[in-house]
Amino acid sequence: MKKPWYLKTGWVFVFCTLTPPIGYLIILTNLKKFDNKDKEQFEQKIFYLAIATSAMAFWVLKFTPPIVQKVVLCGLLAIFIGRKLKRMFKK
């Protein structure tokens, strides 16, 4: 069965990263086309939802006040540095 152009891997990835609300709409309205019985289709659906969710978090961050943006970015930087230090001292 041939997929529509908007459900092909590249296009779904583009929609999920550049315009997360449209990516969510495409994925959620076509959930039945991602057959859960097939492990690859299920993992692909979860991957697209994860990409859309993370892109949506940054997309919504654009509309918050600058102080909130700075706090979130500093928090992410602290987590990143903390994980690197933990791995470095664990070795």
C-alpha atoms as a PDB file:
ATOM      1  CA  MET A   1       0.000   0.000   0.000  1.00  0.00           C
ATOM      2  CA  LYS A   2       1.434   3.351  -1.049  1.00  0.00           C
ATOM      3  CA  LYS A   3       1.752   6.043   1.627  1.00  0.00           C
ATOM      4  CA  PRO A   4       0.573   9.609   0.951  1.00  0.00           C
ATOM      5  CA  TRP A   5       3.383  12.146   0.513  1.00  0.00           C
ATOM      6  CA  TYR A   6       2.792  13.685   3.954  1.00  0.00           C
ATOM      7  CA  LEU A   7       3.374  10.324   5.690  1.00  0.00           C
ATOM      8  CA  LYS A   8       6.732   9.603   4.090  1.00  0.00           C
ATOM      9  CA  THR A   9       9.626   9.582   6.530  1.00  0.00           C
ATOM     10  CA  GLY A  10      11.341  12.768   5.378  1.00  0.00           C
ATOM     11  CA  TRP A  11       8.194  14.879   5.288  1.00  0.00           C
ATOM     12  CA  VAL A  12       6.938  13.747   8.686  1.00  0.00           C
ATOM     13  CA  PHE A  13      10.349  14.525  10.182  1.00  0.00           C
ATOM     14  CA  VAL A  14      10.334  17.998   8.581  1.00  0.00           C
ATOM     15  CA  PHE A  15       6.813  18.719   9.837  1.00  0.00           C
ATOM     16  CA  CYS A  16       7.662  17.500  13.343  1.00  0.00           C
ATOM     17  CA  THR A  17      10.817  19.588  13.630  1.00  0.00           C
ATOM     18  CA  LEU A  18       9.876  22.828  11.860  1.00  0.00           C
ATOM     19  CA  THR A  19       6.180  23.073  12.680  1.00  0.00           C
ATOM     20  CA  PRO A  20       5.432  20.779  15.637  1.00  0.00           C
ATOM     21  CA  PRO A  21       1.680  21.526  15.806  1.00  0.00           C
ATOM     22  CA  ILE A  22       1.265  20.417  12.191  1.00  0.00           C
ATOM     23  CA  GLY A  23       3.465  17.391  12.868  1.00  0.00           C
ATOM     24  CA  TYR A  24       1.254  16.444  15.818  1.00  0.00           C
ATOM     25  CA  LEU A  25      -1.869  16.805  13.684  1.00  0.00           C
ATOM     26  CA  ILE A  26      -0.431  14.625  10.939  1.00  0.00           C
ATOM     27  CA  ILE A  27       0.662  11.914  13.358  1.00  0.00           C
ATOM     28  CA  LEU A  28      -2.441  11.928  15.547  1.00  0.00           C
ATOM     29  CA  THR A  29      -4.911  11.986  12.652  1.00  0.00           C
ATOM     30  CA  ASN A  30      -3.117   9.090  10.960  1.00  0.00           C
ATOM     31  CA  LEU A  31      -2.482   6.842  13.973  1.00  0.00           C
ATOM     32  CA  LYS A  32      -4.284   3.925  12.351  1.00  0.00           C
ATOM     33  CA  LYS A  33      -1.875   4.033   9.407  1.00  0.00           C
ATOM     34  CA  PHE A  34       0.971   3.368  11.842  1.00  0.00           C
ATOM     35  CA  ASP A  35       0.092  -0.248  12.603  1.00  0.00           C
ATOM     36  CA  ASN A  36       0.966  -1.136  16.216  1.00  0.00           C
ATOM     37  CA  LYS A  37       1.289  -4.829  15.359  1.00  0.00           C
ATOM     38  CA  ASP A  38       4.407  -4.120  13.350  1.00  0.00           C
ATOM     39  CA  LYS A  39       7.261  -3.241  15.743  1.00  0.00           C
ATOM     40  CA  GLU A  40       8.990  -0.999  13.197  1.00  0.00           C
ATOM     41  CA  GLN A  41       5.828   1.074  12.601  1.00  0.00           C
ATOM     42  CA  PHE A  42       5.233   1.391  16.357  1.00  0.00           C
ATOM     43  CA  GLU A  43       8.808   2.548  16.975  1.00  0.00           C
ATOM     44  CA  GLN A  44       8.521   4.984  14.073  1.00  0.00           C
ATOM     45  CA  LYS A  45       5.336   6.479  15.556  1.00  0.00           C
ATOM     46  CA  ILE A  46       6.975   6.856  18.981  1.00  0.00           C
ATOM     47  CA  PHE A  47      10.074   8.416  17.362  1.00  0.00           C
ATOM     48  CA  TYR A  48       7.963  10.998  15.508  1.00  0.00           C
ATOM     49  CA  LEU A  49       5.987  11.829  18.643  1.00  0.00           C
ATOM     50  CA  ALA A  50       9.231  12.274  20.616  1.00  0.00           C
ATOM     51  CA  ILE A  51      10.683  14.567  17.944  1.00  0.00           C
ATOM     52  CA  ALA A  52       7.465  16.603  17.789  1.00  0.00           C
ATOM     53  CA  THR A  53       7.330  16.868  21.594  1.00  0.00           C
ATOM     54  CA  SER A  54      10.914  18.080  21.961  1.00  0.00           C
ATOM     55  CA  ALA A  55      10.547  20.511  19.057  1.00  0.00           C
ATOM     56  CA  MET A  56       7.264  21.757  20.540  1.00  0.00           C
ATOM     57  CA  ALA A  57       9.002  22.454  23.856  1.00  0.00           C
ATOM     58  CA  PHE A  58      11.532  24.717  22.155  1.00  0.00           C
ATOM     59  CA  TRP A  59       8.845  26.195  19.902  1.00  0.00           C
ATOM     60  CA  VAL A  60       6.688  27.182  22.891  1.00  0.00           C
ATOM     61  CA  LEU A  61       9.779  28.520  24.653  1.00  0.00           C
ATOM     62  CA  LYS A  62       9.955  31.238  21.981  1.00  0.00           C
ATOM     63  CA  PHE A  63       6.713  32.722  23.308  1.00  0.00           C
ATOM     64  CA  THR A  64       7.746  32.884  26.961  1.00  0.00           C
ATOM     65  CA  PRO A  65       9.346  35.903  28.675  1.00  0.00           C
ATOM     66  CA  PRO A  66      13.142  36.214  28.276  1.00  0.00           C
ATOM     67  CA  ILE A  67      13.824  35.388  31.934  1.00  0.00           C
ATOM     68  CA  VAL A  68      12.019  32.052  31.578  1.00  0.00           C
ATOM     69  CA  GLN A  69      14.026  31.300  28.450  1.00  0.00           C
ATOM     70  CA  LYS A  70      17.271  32.004  30.289  1.00  0.00           C
ATOM     71  CA  VAL A  71      16.295  29.849  33.277  1.00  0.00           C
ATOM     72  CA  VAL A  72      15.329  26.916  31.057  1.00  0.00           C
ATOM     73  CA  LEU A  73      18.468  27.177  28.939  1.00  0.00           C
ATOM     74  CA  CYS A  74      20.672  27.431  32.051  1.00  0.00           C
ATOM     75  CA  GLY A  75      18.906  24.405  33.512  1.00  0.00           C
ATOM     76  CA  LEU A  76      19.493  22.392  30.332  1.00  0.00           C
ATOM     77  CA  LEU A  77      23.133  23.481  30.294  1.00  0.00           C
ATOM     78  CA  ALA A  78      23.531  22.452  33.953  1.00  0.00           C
ATOM     79  CA  ILE A  79      22.040  19.026  33.207  1.00  0.00           C
ATOM     80  CA  PHE A  80      24.313  18.591  30.194  1.00  0.00           C
ATOM     81  CA  ILE A  81      27.461  19.582  32.121  1.00  0.00           C
ATOM     82  CA  GLY A  82      26.427  17.474  35.128  1.00  0.00           C
ATOM     83  CA  ARG A  83      25.980  14.370  32.966  1.00  0.00           C
ATOM     84  CA  LYS A  84      29.361  14.933  31.301  1.00  0.00           C
ATOM     85  CA  LEU A  85      31.067  15.334  34.675  1.00  0.00           C
ATOM     86  CA  LYS A  86      29.334  12.246  36.034  1.00  0.00           C
ATOM     87  CA  ARG A  87      30.537  10.172  33.070  1.00  0.00           C
ATOM     88  CA  MET A  88      34.039  11.608  33.391  1.00  0.00           C
ATOM     89  CA  PHE A  89      34.349  10.743  37.102  1.00  0.00           C
ATOM     90  CA  LYS A  90      32.700   7.367  36.623  1.00  0.00           C
ATOM     91  CA  LYS A  91      35.551   6.186  34.362  1.00  0.00           C
END
